PDB file of N, CA and C in Angstrom:
ATOM      1  N   UNK A   1      -1.290   2.092 -16.146  1.00  0.00           N
ATOM      2  CA  UNK A   1      -1.338   1.350 -14.904  1.00  0.00           C
ATOM      3  C   UNK A   1       0.056   1.458 -14.171  1.00  0.00           C
ATOM      4  N   UNK A   2       1.140   1.511 -14.942  1.00  0.00           N
ATOM      5  CA  UNK A   2       2.427   1.606 -14.325  1.00  0.00           C
ATOM      6  C   UNK A   2       2.477   2.893 -13.474  1.00  0.00           C
ATOM      7  N   UNK A   3       1.915   4.049 -13.926  1.00  0.00           N
ATOM      8  CA  UNK A   3       1.948   5.263 -13.095  1.00  0.00           C
ATOM      9  C   UNK A   3       1.168   5.069 -11.839  1.00  0.00           C
ATOM     10  N   UNK A   4       0.056   4.351 -11.925  1.00  0.00           N
ATOM     11  CA  UNK A   4      -0.746   4.186 -10.735  1.00  0.00           C
ATOM     12  C   UNK A   4      -0.017   3.297  -9.680  1.00  0.00           C
ATOM     13  N   UNK A   5       0.677   2.338 -10.197  1.00  0.00           N
ATOM     14  CA  UNK A   5       1.448   1.417  -9.234  1.00  0.00           C
ATOM     15  C   UNK A   5       2.654   2.297  -8.675  1.00  0.00           C
ATOM     16  N   UNK A   6       3.270   3.110  -9.543  1.00  0.00           N
ATOM     17  CA  UNK A   6       4.276   3.946  -9.021  1.00  0.00           C
ATOM     18  C   UNK A   6       3.792   4.845  -7.845  1.00  0.00           C
ATOM     19  N   UNK A   7       2.587   5.480  -8.091  1.00  0.00           N
ATOM     20  CA  UNK A   7       2.004   6.347  -7.027  1.00  0.00           C
ATOM     21  C   UNK A   7       1.676   5.469  -5.796  1.00  0.00           C
ATOM     22  N   UNK A   8       1.157   4.320  -5.988  1.00  0.00           N
ATOM     23  CA  UNK A   8       0.807   3.374  -4.882  1.00  0.00           C
ATOM     24  C   UNK A   8       2.082   3.061  -4.018  1.00  0.00           C
ATOM     25  N   UNK A   9       3.076   2.637  -4.637  1.00  0.00           N
ATOM     26  CA  UNK A   9       4.306   2.261  -3.888  1.00  0.00           C
ATOM     27  C   UNK A   9       4.993   3.359  -3.313  1.00  0.00           C
ATOM     28  N   UNK A  10       4.944   4.522  -3.986  1.00  0.00           N
ATOM     29  CA  UNK A  10       5.597   5.718  -3.460  1.00  0.00           C
ATOM     30  C   UNK A  10       4.820   6.221  -2.200  1.00  0.00           C
ATOM     31  N   UNK A  11       3.587   6.126  -2.224  1.00  0.00           N
ATOM     32  CA  UNK A  11       2.745   6.514  -1.063  1.00  0.00           C
ATOM     33  C   UNK A  11       2.989   5.522   0.099  1.00  0.00           C
ATOM     34  N   UNK A  12       3.013   4.300  -0.195  1.00  0.00           N
ATOM     35  CA  UNK A  12       3.176   3.259   0.836  1.00  0.00           C
ATOM     36  C   UNK A  12       4.551   3.017   1.320  1.00  0.00           C
ATOM     37  N   UNK A  13       5.503   3.774   0.818  1.00  0.00           N
ATOM     38  CA  UNK A  13       6.887   3.678   1.216  1.00  0.00           C
ATOM     39  C   UNK A  13       7.133   4.256   2.542  1.00  0.00           C
ATOM     40  N   UNK A  14       6.230   5.070   3.042  1.00  0.00           N
ATOM     41  CA  UNK A  14       6.369   5.779   4.292  1.00  0.00           C
ATOM     42  C   UNK A  14       5.660   5.065   5.459  1.00  0.00           C
ATOM     43  N   UNK A  15       6.206   4.809   6.591  1.00  0.00           N
ATOM     44  CA  UNK A  15       5.596   4.082   7.715  1.00  0.00           C
ATOM     45  C   UNK A  15       4.456   4.865   8.269  1.00  0.00           C
ATOM     46  N   UNK A  16       4.432   6.153   8.253  1.00  0.00           N
ATOM     47  CA  UNK A  16       3.283   6.871   8.768  1.00  0.00           C
ATOM     48  C   UNK A  16       2.029   6.650   7.907  1.00  0.00           C
ATOM     49  N   UNK A  17       2.252   6.724   6.538  1.00  0.00           N
ATOM     50  CA  UNK A  17       1.125   6.447   5.621  1.00  0.00           C
ATOM     51  C   UNK A  17       0.648   5.048   5.738  1.00  0.00           C
ATOM     52  N   UNK A  18       1.670   4.086   5.862  1.00  0.00           N
ATOM     53  CA  UNK A  18       1.197   2.692   6.000  1.00  0.00           C
ATOM     54  C   UNK A  18       0.332   2.465   7.261  1.00  0.00           C
ATOM     55  N   UNK A  19       0.683   3.229   8.359  1.00  0.00           N
ATOM     56  CA  UNK A  19      -0.116   3.141   9.572  1.00  0.00           C
ATOM     57  C   UNK A  19      -1.502   3.749   9.367  1.00  0.00           C
ATOM     58  N   UNK A  20      -1.599   4.766   8.658  1.00  0.00           N
ATOM     59  CA  UNK A  20      -2.963   5.375   8.342  1.00  0.00           C
ATOM     60  C   UNK A  20      -3.823   4.332   7.509  1.00  0.00           C
ATOM     61  N   UNK A  21      -3.167   3.749   6.507  1.00  0.00           N
ATOM     62  CA  UNK A  21      -3.939   2.745   5.700  1.00  0.00           C
ATOM     63  C   UNK A  21      -4.353   1.588   6.604  1.00  0.00           C
ATOM     64  N   UNK A  22      -3.483   1.065   7.430  1.00  0.00           N
ATOM     65  CA  UNK A  22      -3.815  -0.024   8.372  1.00  0.00           C
ATOM     66  C   UNK A  22      -4.946   0.364   9.212  1.00  0.00           C
ATOM     67  N   UNK A  23      -4.939   1.600   9.773  1.00  0.00           N
ATOM     68  CA  UNK A  23      -6.076   2.081  10.509  1.00  0.00           C
ATOM     69  C   UNK A  23      -7.390   2.165   9.759  1.00  0.00           C
ATOM     70  N   UNK A  24      -7.325   2.634   8.544  1.00  0.00           N
ATOM     71  CA  UNK A  24      -8.540   2.846   7.716  1.00  0.00           C
ATOM     72  C   UNK A  24      -9.106   1.511   7.274  1.00  0.00           C
ATOM     73  N   UNK A  25      -8.401   0.439   7.360  1.00  0.00           N
ATOM     74  CA  UNK A  25      -8.921  -0.920   6.979  1.00  0.00           C
ATOM     75  C   UNK A  25     -10.131  -1.209   7.968  1.00  0.00           C
ATOM     76  N   UNK A  26     -10.059  -0.675   9.075  1.00  0.00           N
ATOM     77  CA  UNK A  26     -11.143  -0.985  10.136  1.00  0.00           C
ATOM     78  C   UNK A  26     -12.395  -0.158   9.853  1.00  0.00           C
ATOM     79  N   UNK A  27     -12.186   0.909   9.039  1.00  0.00           N
ATOM     80  CA  UNK A  27     -13.376   1.751   8.765  1.00  0.00           C
ATOM     81  C   UNK A  27     -12.893   3.215   8.717  1.00  0.00           C
ATOM     82  N   UNK A  28     -13.866   4.111   8.207  1.00  0.00           N
ATOM     83  CA  UNK A  28     -13.500   5.611   8.044  1.00  0.00           C
ATOM     84  C   UNK A  28     -13.123   6.176   9.425  1.00  0.00           C
ATOM     85  N   UNK A  29     -12.304   7.264   9.427  1.00  0.00           N
ATOM     86  CA  UNK A  29     -11.775   7.957  10.597  1.00  0.00           C
ATOM     87  C   UNK A  29     -11.631   9.350  10.322  1.00  0.00           C
ATOM     88  N   UNK A  30     -11.795  10.166  11.347  1.00  0.00           N
ATOM     89  CA  UNK A  30     -11.518  11.641  11.191  1.00  0.00           C
ATOM     90  C   UNK A  30     -10.023  11.836  11.212  1.00  0.00           C
ATOM     91  N   UNK A  31      -9.635  13.036  10.728  1.00  0.00           N
ATOM     92  CA  UNK A  31      -8.250  13.394  10.760  1.00  0.00           C
ATOM     93  C   UNK A  31      -7.728  13.391  12.084  1.00  0.00           C
ATOM     94  N   UNK A  32      -8.538  13.910  13.079  1.00  0.00           N
ATOM     95  CA  UNK A  32      -8.065  13.956  14.491  1.00  0.00           C
ATOM     96  C   UNK A  32      -7.759  12.583  14.983  1.00  0.00           C
ATOM     97  N   UNK A  33      -8.697  11.619  14.718  1.00  0.00           N
ATOM     98  CA  UNK A  33      -8.441  10.254  15.187  1.00  0.00           C
ATOM     99  C   UNK A  33      -7.227   9.615  14.504  1.00  0.00           C
ATOM    100  N   UNK A  34      -7.034   9.883  13.301  1.00  0.00           N
ATOM    101  CA  UNK A  34      -5.860   9.347  12.594  1.00  0.00           C
ATOM    102  C   UNK A  34      -4.621   9.877  13.082  1.00  0.00           C
ATOM    103  N   UNK A  35      -4.590  11.179  13.432  1.00  0.00           N
ATOM    104  CA  UNK A  35      -3.436  11.842  13.962  1.00  0.00           C
ATOM    105  C   UNK A  35      -3.027  11.469  15.281  1.00  0.00           C
ATOM    106  N   UNK A  36      -4.018  10.959  16.216  1.00  0.00           N
ATOM    107  CA  UNK A  36      -3.669  10.560  17.489  1.00  0.00           C
ATOM    108  C   UNK A  36      -2.628   9.450  17.478  1.00  0.00           C
ATOM    109  N   UNK A  37      -1.573   9.503  18.239  1.00  0.00           N
ATOM    110  CA  UNK A  37      -0.601   8.521  18.335  1.00  0.00           C
ATOM    111  C   UNK A  37       0.609   8.733  17.457  1.00  0.00           C
ATOM    112  N   UNK A  38       0.551   9.770  16.562  1.00  0.00           N
ATOM    113  CA  UNK A  38       1.613  10.116  15.671  1.00  0.00           C
ATOM    114  C   UNK A  38       2.233  11.463  16.232  1.00  0.00           C
ATOM    115  N   UNK A  39       3.484  11.260  16.670  1.00  0.00           N
ATOM    116  CA  UNK A  39       4.229  12.320  17.261  1.00  0.00           C
ATOM    117  C   UNK A  39       4.763  13.272  16.161  1.00  0.00           C
ATOM    118  N   UNK A  40       3.886  14.004  15.560  1.00  0.00           N
ATOM    119  CA  UNK A  40       4.393  15.031  14.620  1.00  0.00           C
ATOM    120  C   UNK A  40       3.254  16.080  14.632  1.00  0.00           C
ATOM    121  N   UNK A  41       3.666  17.249  14.109  1.00  0.00           N
ATOM    122  CA  UNK A  41       2.753  18.346  14.066  1.00  0.00           C
ATOM    123  C   UNK A  41       1.669  18.045  13.018  1.00  0.00           C
ATOM    124  N   UNK A  42       0.422  18.530  13.219  1.00  0.00           N
ATOM    125  CA  UNK A  42      -0.712  18.279  12.374  1.00  0.00           C
ATOM    126  C   UNK A  42      -0.390  18.717  10.971  1.00  0.00           C
ATOM    127  N   UNK A  43       0.302  19.826  10.687  1.00  0.00           N
ATOM    128  CA  UNK A  43       0.525  20.124   9.277  1.00  0.00           C
ATOM    129  C   UNK A  43       1.345  19.199   8.544  1.00  0.00           C
ATOM    130  N   UNK A  44       2.365  18.626   9.304  1.00  0.00           N
ATOM    131  CA  UNK A  44       3.206  17.537   8.734  1.00  0.00           C
ATOM    132  C   UNK A  44       2.322  16.323   8.405  1.00  0.00           C
ATOM    133  N   UNK A  45       1.478  15.941   9.389  1.00  0.00           N
ATOM    134  CA  UNK A  45       0.636  14.841   9.176  1.00  0.00           C
ATOM    135  C   UNK A  45      -0.312  14.975   8.054  1.00  0.00           C
ATOM    136  N   UNK A  46      -0.835  16.191   7.869  1.00  0.00           N
ATOM    137  CA  UNK A  46      -1.784  16.406   6.757  1.00  0.00           C
ATOM    138  C   UNK A  46      -1.046  16.269   5.380  1.00  0.00           C
ATOM    139  N   UNK A  47       0.208  16.550   5.319  1.00  0.00           N
ATOM    140  CA  UNK A  47       0.954  16.262   4.088  1.00  0.00           C
ATOM    141  C   UNK A  47       0.927  14.787   3.772  1.00  0.00           C
ATOM    142  N   UNK A  48       0.987  13.903   4.787  1.00  0.00           N
ATOM    143  CA  UNK A  48       0.940  12.484   4.495  1.00  0.00           C
ATOM    144  C   UNK A  48      -0.444  12.045   3.993  1.00  0.00           C
ATOM    145  N   UNK A  49      -1.431  12.715   4.585  1.00  0.00           N
ATOM    146  CA  UNK A  49      -2.852  12.453   4.141  1.00  0.00           C
ATOM    147  C   UNK A  49      -3.006  12.947   2.733  1.00  0.00           C
ATOM    148  N   UNK A  50      -2.543  14.058   2.387  1.00  0.00           N
ATOM    149  CA  UNK A  50      -2.648  14.554   1.016  1.00  0.00           C
ATOM    150  C   UNK A  50      -1.933  13.601   0.028  1.00  0.00           C
ATOM    151  N   UNK A  51      -0.744  13.074   0.408  1.00  0.00           N
ATOM    152  CA  UNK A  51      -0.027  12.144  -0.477  1.00  0.00           C
ATOM    153  C   UNK A  51      -0.946  10.867  -0.756  1.00  0.00           C
ATOM    154  N   UNK A  52      -1.587  10.387   0.374  1.00  0.00           N
ATOM    155  CA  UNK A  52      -2.449   9.188   0.196  1.00  0.00           C
ATOM    156  C   UNK A  52      -3.575   9.564  -0.760  1.00  0.00           C
ATOM    157  N   UNK A  53      -4.120  10.616  -0.510  1.00  0.00           N
ATOM    158  CA  UNK A  53      -5.291  11.164  -1.402  1.00  0.00           C
ATOM    159  C   UNK A  53      -4.845  11.275  -2.863  1.00  0.00           C
ATOM    160  N   UNK A  54      -3.688  11.869  -3.036  1.00  0.00           N
ATOM    161  CA  UNK A  54      -3.152  11.989  -4.488  1.00  0.00           C
ATOM    162  C   UNK A  54      -2.925  10.772  -5.101  1.00  0.00           C
ATOM    163  N   UNK A  55      -2.559   9.685  -4.306  1.00  0.00           N
ATOM    164  CA  UNK A  55      -2.211   8.397  -4.938  1.00  0.00           C
ATOM    165  C   UNK A  55      -3.605   7.644  -5.129  1.00  0.00           C
ATOM    166  N   UNK A  56      -4.772   8.215  -4.669  1.00  0.00           N
ATOM    167  CA  UNK A  56      -5.995   7.534  -4.853  1.00  0.00           C
ATOM    168  C   UNK A  56      -6.335   6.565  -3.816  1.00  0.00           C
ATOM    169  N   UNK A  57      -5.519   6.387  -2.789  1.00  0.00           N
ATOM    170  CA  UNK A  57      -5.666   5.360  -1.772  1.00  0.00           C
ATOM    171  C   UNK A  57      -6.787   5.724  -0.761  1.00  0.00           C
ATOM    172  N   UNK A  58      -7.081   7.009  -0.551  1.00  0.00           N
ATOM    173  CA  UNK A  58      -8.120   7.488   0.394  1.00  0.00           C
ATOM    174  C   UNK A  58      -8.965   8.507  -0.198  1.00  0.00           C
ATOM    175  N   UNK A  59     -10.092   8.658   0.274  1.00  0.00           N
ATOM    176  CA  UNK A  59     -10.891   9.742  -0.068  1.00  0.00           C
ATOM    177  C   UNK A  59     -11.345  10.485   1.137  1.00  0.00           C
ATOM    178  N   UNK A  60     -11.491  11.758   1.076  1.00  0.00           N
ATOM    179  CA  UNK A  60     -11.868  12.552   2.233  1.00  0.00           C
ATOM    180  C   UNK A  60     -13.219  13.240   2.012  1.00  0.00           C
ATOM    181  N   UNK A  61     -13.909  13.376   3.084  1.00  0.00           N
ATOM    182  CA  UNK A  61     -15.237  14.090   3.042  1.00  0.00           C
ATOM    183  C   UNK A  61     -15.280  15.064   4.295  1.00  0.00           C
ATOM    184  N   UNK A  62     -15.718  16.267   3.967  1.00  0.00           N
ATOM    185  CA  UNK A  62     -15.842  17.238   5.075  1.00  0.00           C
ATOM    186  C   UNK A  62     -17.285  17.494   5.371  1.00  0.00           C
ATOM    187  N   UNK A  63     -17.680  17.249   6.623  1.00  0.00           N
ATOM    188  CA  UNK A  63     -19.015  17.609   7.151  1.00  0.00           C
ATOM    189  C   UNK A  63     -18.827  18.549   8.276  1.00  0.00           C
ATOM    190  N   UNK A  64     -19.244  19.812   8.107  1.00  0.00           N
ATOM    191  CA  UNK A  64     -19.025  20.773   9.148  1.00  0.00           C
ATOM    192  C   UNK A  64     -17.478  21.023   9.260  1.00  0.00           C
ATOM    193  N   UNK A  65     -17.057  20.840  10.426  1.00  0.00           N
ATOM    194  CA  UNK A  65     -15.601  21.025  10.690  1.00  0.00           C
ATOM    195  C   UNK A  65     -14.817  19.806  10.731  1.00  0.00           C
ATOM    196  N   UNK A  66     -15.449  18.658  10.502  1.00  0.00           N
ATOM    197  CA  UNK A  66     -14.738  17.338  10.679  1.00  0.00           C
ATOM    198  C   UNK A  66     -14.552  16.754   9.284  1.00  0.00           C
ATOM    199  N   UNK A  67     -13.303  16.444   8.983  1.00  0.00           N
ATOM    200  CA  UNK A  67     -12.820  15.791   7.763  1.00  0.00           C
ATOM    201  C   UNK A  67     -12.603  14.422   8.034  1.00  0.00           C
ATOM    202  N   UNK A  68     -13.341  13.491   7.312  1.00  0.00           N
ATOM    203  CA  UNK A  68     -13.259  12.024   7.515  1.00  0.00           C
ATOM    204  C   UNK A  68     -12.673  11.453   6.372  1.00  0.00           C
ATOM    205  N   UNK A  69     -11.715  10.471   6.539  1.00  0.00           N
ATOM    206  CA  UNK A  69     -11.081   9.705   5.447  1.00  0.00           C
ATOM    207  C   UNK A  69     -11.564   8.335   5.406  1.00  0.00           C
ATOM    208  N   UNK A  70     -11.644   7.758   4.247  1.00  0.00           N
ATOM    209  CA  UNK A  70     -11.999   6.396   4.079  1.00  0.00           C
ATOM    210  C   UNK A  70     -11.025   5.867   2.917  1.00  0.00           C
ATOM    211  N   UNK A  71     -10.925   4.528   3.119  1.00  0.00           N
ATOM    212  CA  UNK A  71     -10.037   3.764   2.255  1.00  0.00           C
ATOM    213  C   UNK A  71     -10.665   3.547   0.830  1.00  0.00           C
ATOM    214  N   UNK A  72      -9.890   3.598  -0.235  1.00  0.00           N
ATOM    215  CA  UNK A  72     -10.379   3.315  -1.532  1.00  0.00           C
ATOM    216  C   UNK A  72      -9.718   1.989  -1.899  1.00  0.00           C
ATOM    217  N   UNK A  73     -10.498   0.893  -2.123  1.00  0.00           N
ATOM    218  CA  UNK A  73      -9.847  -0.433  -2.277  1.00  0.00           C
ATOM    219  C   UNK A  73      -9.197  -0.639  -3.654  1.00  0.00           C
ATOM    220  N   UNK A  74      -9.634   0.201  -4.703  1.00  0.00           N
ATOM    221  CA  UNK A  74      -9.131  -0.151  -6.059  1.00  0.00           C
ATOM    222  C   UNK A  74      -7.658  -0.173  -6.172  1.00  0.00           C
ATOM    223  N   UNK A  75      -6.954   0.916  -5.607  1.00  0.00           N
ATOM    224  CA  UNK A  75      -5.449   0.858  -5.768  1.00  0.00           C
ATOM    225  C   UNK A  75      -4.881  -0.296  -5.093  1.00  0.00           C
ATOM    226  N   UNK A  76      -5.363  -0.701  -3.938  1.00  0.00           N
ATOM    227  CA  UNK A  76      -4.871  -1.853  -3.220  1.00  0.00           C
ATOM    228  C   UNK A  76      -5.093  -3.143  -4.085  1.00  0.00           C
ATOM    229  N   UNK A  77      -6.220  -3.234  -4.745  1.00  0.00           N
ATOM    230  CA  UNK A  77      -6.490  -4.433  -5.558  1.00  0.00           C
ATOM    231  C   UNK A  77      -5.497  -4.434  -6.783  1.00  0.00           C
ATOM    232  N   UNK A  78      -5.287  -3.341  -7.335  1.00  0.00           N
ATOM    233  CA  UNK A  78      -4.365  -3.267  -8.515  1.00  0.00           C
ATOM    234  C   UNK A  78      -2.932  -3.681  -8.136  1.00  0.00           C
ATOM    235  N   UNK A  79      -2.446  -3.232  -6.910  1.00  0.00           N
ATOM    236  CA  UNK A  79      -1.152  -3.561  -6.405  1.00  0.00           C
ATOM    237  C   UNK A  79      -1.081  -5.076  -6.067  1.00  0.00           C
ATOM    238  N   UNK A  80      -2.174  -5.614  -5.480  1.00  0.00           N
ATOM    239  CA  UNK A  80      -2.264  -6.933  -5.202  1.00  0.00           C
ATOM    240  C   UNK A  80      -2.160  -7.896  -6.424  1.00  0.00           C
ATOM    241  N   UNK A  81      -2.868  -7.504  -7.481  1.00  0.00           N
ATOM    242  CA  UNK A  81      -2.837  -8.213  -8.758  1.00  0.00           C
ATOM    243  C   UNK A  81      -1.409  -8.169  -9.279  1.00  0.00           C
ATOM    244  N   UNK A  82      -0.730  -7.036  -9.290  1.00  0.00           N
ATOM    245  CA  UNK A  82       0.635  -6.972  -9.809  1.00  0.00           C
ATOM    246  C   UNK A  82       1.523  -7.922  -9.015  1.00  0.00           C
ATOM    247  N   UNK A  83       1.444  -7.782  -7.656  1.00  0.00           N
ATOM    248  CA  UNK A  83       2.271  -8.666  -6.844  1.00  0.00           C
ATOM    249  C   UNK A  83       2.041 -10.077  -7.047  1.00  0.00           C
ATOM    250  N   UNK A  84       0.806 -10.474  -7.323  1.00  0.00           N
ATOM    251  CA  UNK A  84       0.438 -11.927  -7.559  1.00  0.00           C
ATOM    252  C   UNK A  84       1.189 -12.377  -8.834  1.00  0.00           C
ATOM    253  N   UNK A  85       1.149 -11.500  -9.898  1.00  0.00           N
ATOM    254  CA  UNK A  85       1.705 -11.880 -11.117  1.00  0.00           C
ATOM    255  C   UNK A  85       3.274 -11.964 -11.002  1.00  0.00           C
ATOM    256  N   UNK A  86       3.903 -11.095 -10.192  1.00  0.00           N
ATOM    257  CA  UNK A  86       5.289 -11.178  -9.929  1.00  0.00           C
ATOM    258  C   UNK A  86       5.652 -12.446  -9.151  1.00  0.00           C
ATOM    259  N   UNK A  87       4.763 -12.724  -8.190  1.00  0.00           N
ATOM    260  CA  UNK A  87       4.954 -13.970  -7.343  1.00  0.00           C
ATOM    261  C   UNK A  87       4.959 -15.233  -8.277  1.00  0.00           C
ATOM    262  N   UNK A  88       4.009 -15.294  -9.103  1.00  0.00           N
ATOM    263  CA  UNK A  88       3.808 -16.506 -10.059  1.00  0.00           C
ATOM    264  C   UNK A  88       5.046 -16.565 -10.979  1.00  0.00           C
ATOM    265  N   UNK A  89       5.489 -15.429 -11.457  1.00  0.00           N
ATOM    266  CA  UNK A  89       6.675 -15.378 -12.404  1.00  0.00           C
ATOM    267  C   UNK A  89       7.911 -15.937 -11.611  1.00  0.00           C
ATOM    268  N   UNK A  90       8.174 -15.414 -10.401  1.00  0.00           N
ATOM    269  CA  UNK A  90       9.420 -15.851  -9.656  1.00  0.00           C
ATOM    270  C   UNK A  90       9.274 -17.188  -9.130  1.00  0.00           C
ATOM    271  N   UNK A  91       8.061 -17.726  -8.780  1.00  0.00           N
ATOM    272  CA  UNK A  91       7.977 -19.076  -8.346  1.00  0.00           C
ATOM    273  C   UNK A  91       8.293 -20.026  -9.495  1.00  0.00           C
ATOM    274  N   UNK A  92       7.840 -19.645 -10.635  1.00  0.00           N
ATOM    275  CA  UNK A  92       8.213 -20.496 -11.821  1.00  0.00           C
ATOM    276  C   UNK A  92       9.679 -20.447 -12.052  1.00  0.00           C
ATOM    277  N   UNK A  93      10.330 -19.337 -11.926  1.00  0.00           N
ATOM    278  CA  UNK A  93      11.779 -19.327 -12.081  1.00  0.00           C
ATOM    279  C   UNK A  93      12.486 -20.114 -11.081  1.00  0.00           C
ATOM    280  N   UNK A  94      12.113 -20.043  -9.793  1.00  0.00           N
ATOM    281  CA  UNK A  94      12.748 -20.776  -8.752  1.00  0.00           C
ATOM    282  C   UNK A  94      12.515 -22.229  -8.934  1.00  0.00           C
ATOM    283  N   UNK A  95      11.288 -22.708  -9.346  1.00  0.00           N
ATOM    284  CA  UNK A  95      11.028 -24.067  -9.608  1.00  0.00           C
ATOM    285  C   UNK A  95      11.930 -24.575 -10.732  1.00  0.00           C
ATOM    286  N   UNK A  96      12.159 -23.825 -11.687  1.00  0.00           N
ATOM    287  CA  UNK A  96      13.088 -24.383 -12.800  1.00  0.00           C
ATOM    288  C   UNK A  96      14.493 -24.388 -12.250  1.00  0.00           C
ATOM    289  N   UNK A  97      14.871 -23.470 -11.528  1.00  0.00           N
ATOM    290  CA  UNK A  97      16.284 -23.482 -10.915  1.00  0.00           C
ATOM    291  C   UNK A  97      16.456 -24.665 -10.032  1.00  0.00           C
ATOM    292  N   UNK A  98      15.488 -24.979  -9.198  1.00  0.00           N
ATOM    293  CA  UNK A  98      15.492 -26.172  -8.356  1.00  0.00           C
ATOM    294  C   UNK A  98      15.606 -27.491  -9.232  1.00  0.00           C
ATOM    295  N   UNK A  99      14.901 -27.509 -10.235  1.00  0.00           N
ATOM    296  CA  UNK A  99      14.930 -28.691 -11.149  1.00  0.00           C
ATOM    297  C   UNK A  99      16.226 -28.861 -11.765  1.00  0.00           C
ATOM    298  N   UNK A 100      16.847 -27.788 -12.196  1.00  0.00           N
ATOM    299  CA  UNK A 100      18.191 -27.819 -12.813  1.00  0.00           C
ATOM    300  C   UNK A 100      19.178 -28.209 -11.700  1.00  0.00           C
ATOM    301  N   UNK A 101      19.147 -27.742 -10.530  1.00  0.00           N
ATOM    302  CA  UNK A 101      20.028 -28.142  -9.521  1.00  0.00           C
ATOM    303  C   UNK A 101      19.955 -29.622  -9.217  1.00  0.00           C
ATOM    304  N   UNK A 102      18.758 -30.185  -9.182  1.00  0.00           N
ATOM    305  CA  UNK A 102      18.543 -31.586  -8.969  1.00  0.00           C
ATOM    306  C   UNK A 102      19.146 -32.433 -10.080  1.00  0.00           C
ATOM    307  N   UNK A 103      19.033 -32.016 -11.351  1.00  0.00           N
ATOM    308  CA  UNK A 103      19.613 -32.722 -12.438  1.00  0.00           C
ATOM    309  C   UNK A 103      21.084 -32.631 -12.399  1.00  0.00           C
ATOM    310  N   UNK A 104      21.683 -31.517 -11.956  1.00  0.00           N
ATOM    311  CA  UNK A 104      23.100 -31.388 -11.875  1.00  0.00           C
ATOM    312  C   UNK A 104      23.682 -32.222 -10.780  1.00  0.00           C
ATOM    313  N   UNK A 105      22.911 -32.436  -9.780  1.00  0.00           N
ATOM    314  CA  UNK A 105      23.458 -33.263  -8.608  1.00  0.00           C
ATOM    315  C   UNK A 105      23.315 -34.717  -8.816  1.00  0.00           C
ATOM    316  N   UNK A 106      22.431 -35.146  -9.662  1.00  0.00           N
ATOM    317  CA  UNK A 106      22.314 -36.600  -9.953  1.00  0.00           C
ATOM    318  C   UNK A 106      23.539 -37.200 -10.566  1.00  0.00           C
ATOM    319  N   UNK A 107      24.038 -38.391  -9.972  1.00  0.00           N
ATOM    320  CA  UNK A 107      25.129 -39.011 -10.584  1.00  0.00           C
ATOM    321  C   UNK A 107      24.892 -39.543 -12.008  1.00  0.00           C
ATOM    322  N   UNK A 108      25.818 -39.478 -12.932  1.00  0.00           N
ATOM    323  CA  UNK A 108      25.641 -39.946 -14.301  1.00  0.00           C
ATOM    324  C   UNK A 108      25.792 -41.446 -14.348  1.00  0.00           C
TER     325      UNK A 108
END
């Protein structure tokens, strides 16, 4: 699972790839549609799509000359679960720290 999370966060570290994921939340899209609005050459953009596909975040399907990408929710769910566990851990730690600070501030 750690390797899957590493791939997820490495893929999501780039703003172009995050923008693609945000767009795919609304539904599948062709490579041409996804490329619109990104001021980079298509070969460079395709490298971003390849990185997302290698991380398991998207799947592509080619029908004729049109390649369509769609979101794969499983990696997003794994990352969300991991983040929820981290949040719970750190909230517990900050709650204990706040309780300690209150005890230390009370007059004896």
